[in-house]
């Protein structure tokens, strides 16, 4: 038999770890001297230790290893561990692609970064518009607010506020384009022919923050769409732009903050 110090060297594990394994009842000594308290191990425990180390190296928890050593649900545990590894590999692959994209964009001095974001289910009111410029669009927004307040004087915006437009078609220079203006609110309200209330479905989006004039928002959209394509996603809905800071609270257009959102799926 081997004392704990010698056994720890044979198994290349610390004495502290062996004592802990004893405490949690995963690897007991063959014998403990009742006088000295010395722990003694045999080659039988060396084989068990080797097995523990094997399962630890593939990421199993001590609780899972205890079950495996008892021949309990071994296949289920390993299958679940395999699934966890596969999910982790997907996450790492995604992170690698994002870093690679950032590094490539940094070479071109890009100011944009893309993240994945979950947009929860919400109650919104919506109105479709046909416009030919941002100025025309911005002129119409107050009219929507006035009409809504007339029909629903106690209606409040959701917290946090979420106001956006969805592009329902392609935007071509010099031509009119169709958008849908939407804002999240605290409850269903009274609509009309111009304004409808509905519950939006939760979606996943690629999010890119744009700071500055609306005239350069196309650069943020181009970056976001490029990210979607290079990271193996599919566009799954109309592109959105969500207004955070703008003409209503910032005089300097360089301080305007808009979030570009591209709905996606795998």
Protein backbone atom coordinates (compact mmCIF):
# COMPACT_ATOMS: atom_id res chain seq x y z
CA UNK A 1 0.00 0.00 0.00
CA UNK A 2 1.03 3.59 -0.56
CA UNK A 3 0.80 6.55 1.77
CA UNK A 4 -1.05 9.57 0.42
CA UNK A 5 2.11 11.50 -0.49
CA UNK A 6 3.52 8.69 -2.57
CA UNK A 7 0.15 7.93 -4.12
CA UNK A 8 -0.31 11.58 -5.09
CA UNK A 9 2.98 11.48 -7.02
CA UNK A 10 2.02 8.25 -8.75
CA UNK A 11 -1.30 9.72 -9.83
CA UNK A 12 0.08 13.23 -10.44
CA UNK A 13 -2.59 14.81 -8.29
CA UNK A 14 -2.25 16.96 -5.17
CA UNK A 15 -2.69 15.65 -1.64
CA UNK A 16 -5.36 18.29 -1.13
CA UNK A 17 -7.33 16.89 -4.08
CA UNK A 18 -7.09 13.33 -2.75
CA UNK A 19 -8.39 14.47 0.63
CA UNK A 20 -11.25 16.28 -1.08
CA UNK A 21 -12.10 13.20 -3.14
CA UNK A 22 -12.26 11.28 0.13
CA UNK A 23 -14.58 13.89 1.68
CA UNK A 24 -17.01 13.84 -1.24
CA UNK A 25 -16.91 10.05 -1.37
CA UNK A 26 -15.64 9.69 -4.91
CA UNK A 27 -12.27 8.07 -4.11
CA UNK A 28 -11.86 6.58 -0.64
CA UNK A 29 -8.49 5.32 0.67
CA UNK A 30 -8.12 1.59 0.95
CA UNK A 31 -7.34 2.02 4.61
CA UNK A 32 -6.98 4.76 7.24
CA UNK A 33 -4.74 4.14 10.25
CA UNK A 34 -6.96 4.70 13.27
CA UNK A 35 -3.98 5.85 15.36
CA UNK A 36 -2.02 8.08 13.01
CA UNK A 37 -4.84 8.98 10.63
CA UNK A 38 -2.62 8.20 7.66
CA UNK A 39 -4.45 7.36 4.46
CA UNK A 40 -3.25 4.35 2.48
CA UNK A 41 -3.99 3.59 -1.15
CA UNK A 42 -3.50 0.63 -3.47
CA UNK A 43 -3.21 0.19 -7.21
CA UNK A 44 -6.95 -0.43 -7.23
CA UNK A 45 -7.47 3.23 -6.29
CA UNK A 46 -4.89 4.23 -8.92
CA UNK A 47 -7.09 2.75 -11.64
CA UNK A 48 -10.13 4.61 -10.23
CA UNK A 49 -8.12 7.85 -10.02
CA UNK A 50 -7.08 7.42 -13.64
CA UNK A 51 -10.74 7.07 -14.61
CA UNK A 52 -11.68 10.16 -12.60
CA UNK A 53 -8.95 12.15 -14.31
CA UNK A 54 -10.15 10.98 -17.71
CA UNK A 55 -13.70 12.17 -17.13
CA UNK A 56 -12.51 15.42 -15.57
CA UNK A 57 -10.47 16.14 -18.71
CA UNK A 58 -13.57 15.84 -20.89
CA UNK A 59 -15.39 18.28 -18.64
CA UNK A 60 -17.60 16.06 -16.47
CA UNK A 61 -18.50 17.30 -12.99
CA UNK A 62 -17.58 15.27 -9.90
CA UNK A 63 -21.26 14.50 -9.38
CA UNK A 64 -21.49 13.13 -12.90
CA UNK A 65 -18.30 11.11 -12.40
CA UNK A 66 -19.73 9.58 -9.21
CA UNK A 67 -22.72 8.41 -11.22
CA UNK A 68 -20.48 7.04 -13.99
CA UNK A 69 -18.34 5.13 -11.49
CA UNK A 70 -21.50 3.50 -10.22
CA UNK A 71 -22.39 2.54 -13.83
CA UNK A 72 -25.40 4.81 -13.54
CA UNK A 73 -26.67 6.63 -16.66
CA UNK A 74 -23.16 6.68 -18.19
CA UNK A 75 -24.37 7.01 -21.78
CA UNK A 76 -26.88 9.75 -20.94
CA UNK A 77 -24.22 11.75 -19.11
CA UNK A 78 -21.74 11.47 -21.99
CA UNK A 79 -24.38 12.31 -24.61
CA UNK A 80 -25.39 15.42 -22.63
CA UNK A 81 -21.73 16.39 -22.27
CA UNK A 82 -21.25 15.98 -26.01
CA UNK A 83 -24.20 18.28 -26.67
CA UNK A 84 -22.77 20.87 -24.28
CA UNK A 85 -19.44 20.75 -26.10
CA UNK A 86 -21.16 21.12 -29.48
CA UNK A 87 -23.05 24.18 -28.23
CA UNK A 88 -19.84 25.63 -26.81
CA UNK A 89 -18.04 25.04 -30.12
CA UNK A 90 -20.82 26.94 -31.90
CA UNK A 91 -20.41 29.82 -29.45
CA UNK A 92 -16.63 29.84 -29.89
CA UNK A 93 -16.98 29.68 -33.67
CA UNK A 94 -19.37 32.63 -33.54
CA UNK A 95 -16.99 34.60 -31.33
CA UNK A 96 -14.10 33.79 -33.68
CA UNK A 97 -16.07 35.07 -36.68
CA UNK A 98 -16.99 38.26 -34.84
CA UNK A 99 -13.38 38.92 -33.84
CA UNK A 100 -12.22 38.18 -37.39
CA UNK A 101 -14.80 40.60 -38.78
CA UNK A 102 -13.81 43.29 -36.27
CA UNK A 103 -10.11 42.89 -37.10
CA UNK A 104 -10.82 43.14 -40.81
CA UNK A 105 -13.04 46.16 -40.33
CA UNK A 106 -10.51 47.81 -38.01
CA UNK A 107 -8.05 47.74 -40.90
CA UNK A 108 -10.56 49.94 -42.72
CA UNK A 109 -11.14 52.10 -39.60
CA UNK A 110 -14.76 50.99 -39.19
CA UNK A 111 -16.57 52.54 -36.23
CA UNK A 112 -19.25 49.83 -36.08
CA UNK A 113 -19.60 46.73 -33.90
CA UNK A 114 -22.36 44.11 -34.27
CA UNK A 115 -24.01 42.12 -31.49
CA UNK A 116 -26.92 39.67 -31.30
CA UNK A 117 -29.96 40.91 -29.41
CA UNK A 118 -33.36 39.53 -28.40
CA UNK A 119 -36.35 41.83 -28.95
CA UNK A 120 -39.18 40.67 -26.65
CA UNK A 121 -42.88 40.41 -27.43
CA UNK A 122 -44.42 43.88 -27.27
CA UNK A 123 -47.64 45.80 -27.79
CA UNK A 124 -47.07 48.39 -30.51
CA UNK A 125 -49.01 50.87 -32.56
CA UNK A 126 -48.03 51.15 -36.21
CA UNK A 127 -48.64 53.36 -39.22
CA UNK A 128 -47.43 52.83 -42.78
CA UNK A 129 -45.97 55.81 -44.62
CA UNK A 130 -44.68 56.52 -48.11
CA UNK A 131 -41.89 59.09 -48.07
CA UNK A 132 -38.99 60.27 -50.21
CA UNK A 133 -36.68 61.64 -47.50
CA UNK A 134 -35.97 61.63 -43.79
CA UNK A 135 -37.18 65.23 -43.55
CA UNK A 136 -40.57 64.25 -44.95
CA UNK A 137 -40.74 61.29 -42.59
CA UNK A 138 -39.81 63.38 -39.54
CA UNK A 139 -42.49 65.94 -40.44
CA UNK A 140 -45.17 63.23 -40.30
CA UNK A 141 -44.24 61.70 -36.93
CA UNK A 142 -45.76 64.50 -34.78
CA UNK A 143 -49.05 64.13 -36.67
CA UNK A 144 -49.17 60.45 -35.71
CA UNK A 145 -48.57 61.36 -32.06
CA UNK A 146 -51.33 63.96 -32.10
CA UNK A 147 -53.86 61.57 -33.63
CA UNK A 148 -52.93 58.85 -31.17
CA UNK A 149 -53.25 61.17 -28.17
CA UNK A 150 -56.68 62.26 -29.39
CA UNK A 151 -57.90 58.66 -29.50
CA UNK A 152 -55.99 57.42 -26.42
CA UNK A 153 -55.32 60.30 -23.99
CA UNK A 154 -54.02 58.03 -21.19
CA UNK A 155 -51.85 55.75 -23.34
CA UNK A 156 -48.17 55.65 -22.34
CA UNK A 157 -44.98 54.55 -24.04
CA UNK A 158 -43.46 51.29 -22.90
CA UNK A 159 -40.50 51.33 -20.54
CA UNK A 160 -37.82 51.38 -21.83
CA UNK A 161 -39.06 53.30 -24.85
CA UNK A 162 -38.79 51.54 -28.20
CA UNK A 163 -39.57 53.54 -31.32
CA UNK A 164 -38.54 52.38 -34.79
CA UNK A 165 -39.34 52.21 -38.47
CA UNK A 166 -39.26 49.08 -40.61
CA UNK A 167 -38.31 49.39 -44.27
CA UNK A 168 -40.98 47.54 -46.27
CA UNK A 169 -39.22 47.86 -49.61
CA UNK A 170 -35.99 48.86 -51.28
CA UNK A 171 -34.79 52.45 -51.00
CA UNK A 172 -33.80 54.01 -54.29
CA UNK A 173 -32.36 57.49 -54.70
CA UNK A 174 -34.95 59.94 -55.95
CA UNK A 175 -37.86 57.56 -55.43
CA UNK A 176 -40.46 57.22 -52.70
CA UNK A 177 -40.11 54.33 -50.23
CA UNK A 178 -42.57 52.62 -47.92
CA UNK A 179 -41.89 52.36 -44.20
CA UNK A 180 -43.87 51.39 -41.12
CA UNK A 181 -43.50 53.59 -38.08
CA UNK A 182 -43.90 51.66 -34.80
CA UNK A 183 -43.74 52.48 -31.12
CA UNK A 184 -44.08 50.17 -28.11
CA UNK A 185 -46.82 51.15 -25.64
CA UNK A 186 -48.08 49.94 -22.26
CA UNK A 187 -51.39 48.50 -23.49
CA UNK A 188 -53.69 48.03 -26.46
CA UNK A 189 -55.40 51.22 -27.54
CA UNK A 190 -58.02 52.53 -29.94
CA UNK A 191 -56.82 52.50 -33.52
CA UNK A 192 -58.19 53.94 -36.74
CA UNK A 193 -57.70 53.48 -40.45
CA UNK A 194 -54.32 55.18 -40.20
CA UNK A 195 -53.04 53.57 -36.99
CA UNK A 196 -53.31 49.96 -35.86
CA UNK A 197 -52.45 48.28 -32.56
CA UNK A 198 -50.97 44.79 -32.48
CA UNK A 199 -48.76 42.46 -30.49
CA UNK A 200 -45.35 41.94 -32.08
CA UNK A 201 -43.62 38.58 -31.97
CA UNK A 202 -40.26 38.21 -30.17
CA UNK A 203 -37.35 38.21 -32.63
CA UNK A 204 -33.57 37.96 -32.69
CA UNK A 205 -31.71 40.79 -34.42
CA UNK A 206 -28.22 41.86 -35.31
CA UNK A 207 -27.74 45.24 -33.68
CA UNK A 208 -25.38 48.01 -34.83
CA UNK A 209 -25.18 51.46 -33.20
CA UNK A 210 -24.89 54.50 -35.48
CA UNK A 211 -23.97 57.91 -34.11
CA UNK A 212 -24.48 60.87 -36.39
CA UNK A 213 -26.61 62.09 -39.26
CA UNK A 214 -29.34 59.96 -40.78
CA UNK A 215 -27.74 60.62 -44.16
CA UNK A 216 -24.98 58.13 -43.35
CA UNK A 217 -27.20 55.42 -41.83
CA UNK A 218 -26.71 53.38 -45.01
CA UNK A 219 -23.15 52.65 -43.83
CA UNK A 220 -24.47 51.04 -40.64
CA UNK A 221 -26.99 48.99 -42.64
CA UNK A 222 -24.26 47.88 -45.03
CA UNK A 223 -22.08 46.79 -42.10
CA UNK A 224 -24.95 44.90 -40.42
CA UNK A 225 -25.98 43.08 -43.61
CA UNK A 226 -22.34 42.17 -44.32
CA UNK A 227 -22.08 40.77 -40.77
CA UNK A 228 -25.23 38.67 -41.25
CA UNK A 229 -23.88 37.13 -44.46
CA UNK A 230 -20.39 36.45 -43.12
CA UNK A 231 -21.66 34.84 -39.91
CA UNK A 232 -23.98 32.34 -41.54
CA UNK A 233 -27.33 33.96 -40.67
CA UNK A 234 -30.33 34.72 -42.86
CA UNK A 235 -32.34 37.93 -42.86
CA UNK A 236 -35.77 37.08 -41.47
CA UNK A 237 -37.84 40.24 -41.57
CA UNK A 238 -37.77 43.89 -42.51
CA UNK A 239 -34.68 45.92 -41.49
CA UNK A 240 -35.35 48.39 -38.68
CA UNK A 241 -33.85 51.52 -37.29
CA UNK A 242 -34.63 52.39 -33.67
CA UNK A 243 -34.29 55.99 -32.55
CA UNK A 244 -32.56 56.62 -29.22
CA UNK A 245 -31.32 60.21 -29.47
CA UNK A 246 -32.34 62.60 -32.23
CA UNK A 247 -33.56 66.03 -33.23
CA UNK A 248 -36.07 66.01 -30.33
CA UNK A 249 -33.37 65.96 -27.62
CA UNK A 250 -30.01 66.70 -29.31
CA UNK A 251 -29.30 69.88 -31.26
CA UNK A 252 -26.05 68.57 -32.73
CA UNK A 253 -26.78 65.87 -35.32
CA UNK A 254 -23.38 64.34 -34.56
CA UNK A 255 -24.92 63.30 -31.22
CA UNK A 256 -27.92 61.55 -32.75
CA UNK A 257 -27.94 57.85 -31.83
CA UNK A 258 -29.76 55.29 -33.94
CA UNK A 259 -29.75 51.51 -33.58
CA UNK A 260 -29.87 49.52 -36.81
CA UNK A 261 -31.56 46.14 -36.35
CA UNK A 262 -31.65 43.27 -38.85
CA UNK A 263 -34.05 40.43 -37.92
CA UNK A 264 -32.27 37.09 -38.45
CA UNK A 265 -32.57 33.34 -38.26
CA UNK A 266 -30.14 30.44 -38.78
